[in-house]
Amino acid sequence: MPAGVVEICCKPVGLDSLDHMDVDALVLAPFQDERPLRGAAGYSDWRLNGRLSRMIQSGGFDARDREIVLTDTLGRIGTPRVFLFGQGERYAMDLTRFQRSVERMAQTLDRARMRSYSIELPGVDPGPVSVPQAISAFLEVAAGHPGSRVDLLVPYPRFAELVSEIAAGERGIKIID
């Protein structure tokens, strides 16, 4: 990977993407008031035999805003570790909070020396933050953390097309297949 560049590859959210990950970590960003878990978190919980749900039920992870938990995957998905970043209440998510959240994720992954990760953007589809705003904010944050590779887990093909379109105007971002 070229120095000073972030490589981003869009992959569909689903069991196949989880099973064939080739990244240092999976980043999940569930909301405190969303049960059962949805999207990548729901698929991950399925592959982990309900482990994430049990963590929530036992109070080991409440998904409060700014809460972070690192856990292993027991080899049940294609990466050895999962970072859980709590998002708090879904209704409270807005663009400012979204930007703060993805910056915190990027900083945490940098400190943990995770050079590659998979992530589904929190609160986007459907959600209080528009898809174009979320993509722009995420790409801006990602560009500030060069040398990484990100598998962006997307809910539908048009989302991936928007990532490519918006990334065309961003320096330090390279979209890969």
Foldseek 3Di string as FASTA:
>chain_A
DDWLAEEEEEDAFDLVCFAPDDFQEEEEEDELPDPPTDTNVNRLCVLLVNPVVVCCVVVVDRLAAQDWDKDASVSSTDHGIYIYHRLYHQVPDDLVSQLVRLLVVLVVCVVVVTQEYEYERPQDVPHRYDLLSNLLSNLVSSSVRTRHYYHYHDHDDVSVVSNVVNCVPDPRYHYDD
